[in-house]
Amino acid sequence: MSKKKILIFGLLSSLLILTSLAFAQAAITFNRPASGATVNGTFNFNVTTSLDRQNTNFTVWVGTTAVCTSINITANQVGFNCTGSTTGLTDGSTTWNFTIYNATYSGAGQTTLESATQVNVLDNLAPVCRLTMVPANVFPAGDRVIADCSGSTDAQDTALTFSVSTQNPRDNSVANDTPSNGVATFTGGQIPHEGSYTFRCTATDNALQSTACSVTIRGEEDTTAPASGITSPPAQQILGNKNIIIIGGVATILIIAIVLGLTLSGGKKRRR
């Protein structure tokens, strides 16, 4: 074999060895959670990588959400651990991406090693339902009532959907509302009669788990007398009117007495 062929063979062999080493260094093993595992609430994340270089941080991403981050990694570190939470993550099977950097900045000076695993996010906690009524106890039938379910919470999901309903105590008809913000308003024909109305709120999370809560308040007929349009005179005016009547009455009596006296006096003179 010529020296030229030996040289070419040596170069190819070296290139093959270096390529193999590069692929070996790029290996990442997800230890926890394993591929296809189910996580809920707080979890521990652990990976092992054969990459041998000084790195500054690593991050676990679910979509654009960083669920786990560690910085100030020891030089030549190959094992990575951190604790995260599934709070706010969408339920169901999702891809988790593990990213390790050798620089804290982005751009030409940053090198990145990435790998991914499929993880099932499970929400086994139902929402906590809270319902507040305005008015709290009694309302004029046919007036406005506010059913506020916005205080409901969920330990994992940040977004809830709501359904609020009430039943007419007289004809059993049902009024429903699905407010996006959890605040429902019932008016007029939805609550027209007196009686007890039970308002029911159902809060549902991303895992389709629901919790209901209810409050009962009473509708009463409006007993406020309508305005007649006739205004009563003030007390001083009434008193003045009474005084005028009394004085007038006394004057009338005096006039009658004088007239009678003159009449009687005239009659006596004629008899003489």
Protein backbone atom coordinates (compact mmCIF):
# COMPACT_ATOMS: atom_id res chain seq x y z
CA MET A 1 0.00 0.00 0.00
CA SER A 2 1.38 3.37 -0.99
CA LYS A 3 2.06 6.07 1.56
CA LYS A 4 -0.65 8.22 -0.05
CA LYS A 5 -3.27 5.52 0.42
CA ILE A 6 -2.16 4.93 3.99
CA LEU A 7 -2.45 8.64 4.71
CA ILE A 8 -5.97 8.83 3.21
CA PHE A 9 -7.02 5.72 5.12
CA GLY A 10 -5.68 7.18 8.36
CA LEU A 11 -7.51 10.45 7.82
CA LEU A 12 -10.80 8.69 7.11
CA SER A 13 -10.39 6.47 10.16
CA SER A 14 -9.66 9.46 12.38
CA LEU A 15 -12.70 11.30 11.01
CA LEU A 16 -14.88 8.28 11.66
CA ILE A 17 -13.60 7.99 15.24
CA LEU A 18 -14.15 11.70 15.92
CA THR A 19 -17.66 11.54 14.48
CA SER A 20 -18.46 8.55 16.68
CA LEU A 21 -17.16 10.37 19.72
CA ALA A 22 -19.22 13.44 18.85
CA PHE A 23 -22.38 11.37 18.62
CA ALA A 24 -21.50 9.60 21.87
CA GLN A 25 -20.98 12.94 23.60
CA ALA A 26 -24.36 14.15 22.39
CA ALA A 27 -26.28 11.34 24.06
CA ILE A 28 -28.93 12.31 26.62
CA THR A 29 -30.84 9.84 28.75
CA PHE A 30 -34.08 10.84 30.42
CA ASN A 31 -34.13 9.07 33.77
CA ARG A 32 -37.08 10.80 35.36
CA PRO A 33 -39.74 11.25 34.17
CA ALA A 34 -39.33 8.40 31.71
CA SER A 35 -40.78 8.60 28.24
CA GLY A 36 -44.53 8.07 28.43
CA ALA A 37 -44.64 8.64 32.18
CA THR A 38 -47.49 10.48 33.87
CA VAL A 39 -46.76 13.48 36.10
CA ASN A 40 -48.99 15.55 38.30
CA GLY A 41 -48.29 18.47 40.57
CA THR A 42 -44.65 18.69 41.71
CA PHE A 43 -42.17 16.47 39.89
CA ASN A 44 -38.44 15.75 39.90
CA PHE A 45 -36.57 15.96 36.61
CA ASN A 46 -33.35 13.98 36.07
CA VAL A 47 -31.25 13.39 32.94
CA THR A 48 -27.79 12.05 32.25
CA THR A 49 -25.68 13.23 29.32
CA SER A 50 -22.36 12.02 28.00
CA LEU A 51 -21.55 15.56 26.89
CA ASP A 52 -18.26 16.60 28.50
CA ARG A 53 -17.83 20.35 28.44
CA GLN A 54 -18.34 23.34 30.65
CA ASN A 55 -21.97 24.41 30.62
CA THR A 56 -23.68 27.30 32.32
CA ASN A 57 -27.36 26.33 32.51
CA PHE A 58 -30.04 23.95 31.39
CA THR A 59 -33.80 24.29 30.99
CA VAL A 60 -36.75 21.96 30.52
CA TRP A 61 -39.34 23.40 28.16
CA VAL A 62 -42.96 22.44 27.55
CA GLY A 63 -43.83 24.51 24.52
CA THR A 64 -42.76 28.01 25.49
CA THR A 65 -43.11 27.36 29.23
CA ALA A 66 -39.91 26.72 31.21
CA VAL A 67 -40.95 24.17 33.84
CA CYS A 68 -37.50 23.52 35.26
CA THR A 69 -34.26 25.56 35.19
CA SER A 70 -30.81 25.22 36.76
CA ILE A 71 -27.82 27.56 36.43
CA ASN A 72 -24.17 27.64 37.56
CA ILE A 73 -23.54 24.05 36.51
CA THR A 74 -20.30 22.44 37.61
CA ALA A 75 -17.67 21.98 34.92
CA ASN A 76 -17.93 18.62 33.14
CA GLN A 77 -21.23 17.88 34.85
CA VAL A 78 -23.17 15.06 33.20
CA GLY A 79 -26.10 14.59 35.62
CA PHE A 80 -28.86 17.17 35.88
CA ASN A 81 -31.68 17.43 38.43
CA CYS A 82 -34.34 19.97 39.21
CA THR A 83 -37.84 20.16 40.63
CA GLY A 84 -40.75 21.63 38.73
CA SER A 85 -44.54 21.85 38.80
CA THR A 86 -47.23 21.03 36.28
CA THR A 87 -49.27 24.04 37.40
CA GLY A 88 -50.53 25.92 34.37
CA LEU A 89 -49.63 23.19 31.87
CA THR A 90 -52.22 21.83 29.49
CA ASP A 91 -53.41 18.36 30.40
CA GLY A 92 -52.63 15.46 28.14
CA SER A 93 -49.60 14.08 26.34
CA THR A 94 -46.98 16.76 25.65
CA THR A 95 -43.39 16.91 24.43
CA TRP A 96 -40.83 18.05 27.00
CA ASN A 97 -37.60 19.45 25.60
CA PHE A 98 -34.37 19.39 27.57
CA THR A 99 -31.89 22.08 26.56
CA ILE A 100 -28.32 22.53 27.84
CA TYR A 101 -26.20 25.59 27.02
CA ASN A 102 -22.54 26.40 27.34
CA ALA A 103 -23.26 30.12 27.41
CA THR A 104 -25.90 32.25 29.10
CA TYR A 105 -26.35 34.43 26.04
CA SER A 106 -27.83 33.72 22.64
CA GLY A 107 -26.07 34.15 19.37
CA ALA A 108 -22.91 32.87 17.72
CA GLY A 109 -21.13 32.13 21.01
CA GLN A 110 -23.83 29.81 22.31
CA THR A 111 -23.82 26.09 21.70
CA THR A 112 -26.81 23.98 22.55
CA LEU A 113 -27.56 20.33 23.11
CA GLU A 114 -31.20 19.33 22.98
CA SER A 115 -33.31 16.24 23.44
CA ALA A 116 -36.99 15.56 23.95
CA THR A 117 -39.32 13.10 25.63
CA GLN A 118 -43.07 12.57 25.66
CA VAL A 119 -44.73 13.06 29.05
CA ASN A 120 -48.36 12.79 30.11
CA VAL A 121 -49.51 15.66 32.32
CA LEU A 122 -52.34 14.47 34.56
CA ASP A 123 -54.64 16.69 36.59
CA ASN A 124 -56.41 14.67 39.27
CA LEU A 125 -57.43 17.67 41.35
CA ALA A 126 -60.86 19.20 40.81
CA PRO A 127 -61.36 22.97 41.00
CA VAL A 128 -62.48 24.74 44.18
CA CYS A 129 -65.84 26.38 43.46
CA ARG A 130 -66.80 29.69 45.10
CA LEU A 131 -70.04 31.58 44.46
CA THR A 132 -71.02 35.03 45.75
CA MET A 133 -74.47 36.57 45.24
CA VAL A 134 -75.36 40.26 44.94
CA PRO A 135 -77.78 40.90 46.68
CA ALA A 136 -76.70 38.31 49.23
CA ASN A 137 -80.10 37.32 50.70
CA VAL A 138 -83.19 39.01 49.24
CA PHE A 139 -83.90 40.73 45.91
CA PRO A 140 -86.97 42.38 44.36
CA ALA A 141 -88.53 39.84 42.00
CA GLY A 142 -87.85 40.78 38.39
CA ASP A 143 -84.91 42.97 39.36
CA ARG A 144 -81.19 42.27 38.71
CA VAL A 145 -79.12 39.58 40.46
CA ILE A 146 -75.36 38.98 40.01
CA ALA A 147 -73.91 35.49 40.49
CA ASP A 148 -70.13 35.81 40.83
CA CYS A 149 -68.17 32.57 40.44
CA SER A 150 -64.88 34.25 39.50
CA GLY A 151 -63.33 33.44 42.88
CA SER A 152 -63.11 29.74 41.93
CA THR A 153 -59.57 28.32 41.69
CA ASP A 154 -57.71 25.22 40.53
CA ALA A 155 -54.42 23.92 41.91
CA GLN A 156 -53.07 23.03 38.47
CA ASP A 157 -54.96 24.75 35.68
CA THR A 158 -54.91 28.51 35.40
CA ALA A 159 -57.97 28.75 33.13
CA LEU A 160 -61.46 27.62 34.17
CA THR A 161 -64.77 27.61 32.33
CA PHE A 162 -68.06 28.37 34.08
CA SER A 163 -71.73 27.52 33.84
CA VAL A 164 -74.26 29.33 36.05
CA SER A 165 -77.97 28.52 36.29
CA THR A 166 -81.09 29.08 38.39
CA GLN A 167 -84.63 27.67 38.39
CA ASN A 168 -87.87 29.63 38.60
CA PRO A 169 -89.69 28.44 41.75
CA ARG A 170 -93.12 28.97 40.16
CA ASP A 171 -92.90 27.27 36.75
CA ASN A 172 -89.53 25.42 37.15
CA SER A 173 -88.09 27.06 34.04
CA VAL A 174 -84.28 27.21 34.03
CA ALA A 175 -82.11 30.20 33.14
CA ASN A 176 -78.50 29.49 32.12
CA ASP A 177 -75.38 31.55 31.48
CA THR A 178 -71.79 30.63 30.57
CA PRO A 179 -69.77 33.73 31.44
CA SER A 180 -66.12 33.61 30.38
CA ASN A 181 -65.11 35.63 33.45
CA GLY A 182 -67.31 33.69 35.87
CA VAL A 183 -69.71 36.60 36.55
CA ALA A 184 -73.33 36.01 35.43
CA THR A 185 -76.19 38.53 35.52
CA PHE A 186 -79.86 37.49 35.73
CA THR A 187 -82.64 40.03 35.12
CA GLY A 188 -86.34 40.50 34.39
CA GLY A 189 -88.01 37.43 32.94
CA GLN A 190 -85.28 35.12 34.23
CA ILE A 191 -86.21 35.83 37.87
CA PRO A 192 -89.75 37.29 37.65
CA HIS A 193 -91.55 35.72 40.59
CA GLU A 194 -91.26 35.73 44.34
CA GLY A 195 -89.88 32.61 45.99
CA SER A 196 -86.56 30.90 46.66
CA TYR A 197 -84.04 30.84 43.80
CA THR A 198 -81.04 28.50 44.02
CA PHE A 199 -78.15 29.75 41.90
CA ARG A 200 -75.70 27.01 40.92
CA CYS A 201 -72.19 27.52 39.53
CA THR A 202 -70.13 24.75 37.92
CA ALA A 203 -66.38 25.36 37.47
CA THR A 204 -64.52 23.10 35.01
CA ASP A 205 -60.75 22.83 34.46
CA ASN A 206 -58.67 21.80 31.42
CA ALA A 207 -58.89 18.13 32.46
CA LEU A 208 -62.70 18.44 32.30
CA GLN A 209 -63.00 17.93 36.04
CA SER A 210 -65.85 19.92 37.54
CA THR A 211 -66.98 21.15 40.93
CA ALA A 212 -70.34 22.78 41.65
CA CYS A 213 -71.44 25.15 44.38
CA SER A 214 -74.76 26.88 45.04
CA VAL A 215 -76.37 29.72 46.98
CA THR A 216 -80.10 30.20 47.64
CA ILE A 217 -81.61 33.68 47.93
CA ARG A 218 -85.23 34.84 47.98
CA GLY A 219 -87.14 36.95 45.50
CA GLU A 220 -89.90 39.11 46.99
CA GLU A 221 -92.59 41.28 45.43
CA ASP A 222 -91.81 44.97 45.54
CA THR A 223 -94.14 46.35 48.24
CA THR A 224 -93.05 49.97 47.88
CA ALA A 225 -96.17 52.12 47.31
CA PRO A 226 -96.07 54.04 44.03
CA ALA A 227 -95.97 57.82 44.19
CA SER A 228 -99.51 59.35 43.94
CA GLY A 229 -98.40 62.63 42.44
CA ILE A 230 -100.16 64.55 45.24
CA THR A 231 -97.85 66.20 47.71
CA SER A 232 -98.87 66.78 51.31
CA PRO A 233 -98.54 70.34 52.58
CA PRO A 234 -95.83 71.02 55.12
CA ALA A 235 -96.68 70.81 58.83
CA GLN A 236 -96.43 74.58 59.35
CA GLN A 237 -98.93 75.16 56.58
CA ILE A 238 -101.33 72.64 58.12
CA LEU A 239 -101.00 74.34 61.51
CA GLY A 240 -101.64 77.74 59.96
CA ASN A 241 -104.73 76.43 58.20
CA LYS A 242 -106.05 75.06 61.49
CA ASN A 243 -105.55 78.43 63.20
CA ILE A 244 -107.42 80.20 60.40
CA ILE A 245 -110.31 77.76 60.72
CA ILE A 246 -110.49 78.23 64.50
CA ILE A 247 -110.39 82.04 64.27
CA GLY A 248 -113.00 82.01 61.53
CA GLY A 249 -115.24 79.79 63.61
CA VAL A 250 -114.96 82.07 66.67
CA ALA A 251 -115.68 85.15 64.55
CA THR A 252 -118.75 83.48 63.06
CA ILE A 253 -120.07 82.61 66.52
CA LEU A 254 -119.54 86.19 67.70
CA ILE A 255 -121.37 87.59 64.66
CA ILE A 256 -124.28 85.22 65.23
CA ALA A 257 -124.41 86.17 68.90
CA ILE A 258 -124.45 89.91 68.05
CA VAL A 259 -127.20 89.45 65.47
CA LEU A 260 -129.31 87.45 67.91
CA GLY A 261 -128.74 90.05 70.62
CA LEU A 262 -129.85 92.90 68.38
CA THR A 263 -132.88 90.94 67.25
CA LEU A 264 -133.99 90.20 70.77
CA SER A 265 -133.44 93.81 71.86
CA GLY A 266 -135.53 95.16 69.00
CA GLY A 267 -138.39 92.80 69.80
CA LYS A 268 -138.62 94.00 73.41
CA LYS A 269 -138.87 97.70 72.35
CA ARG A 270 -141.80 96.98 70.00
CA ARG A 271 -143.77 95.27 72.81
CA ARG A 272 -143.54 98.37 75.00
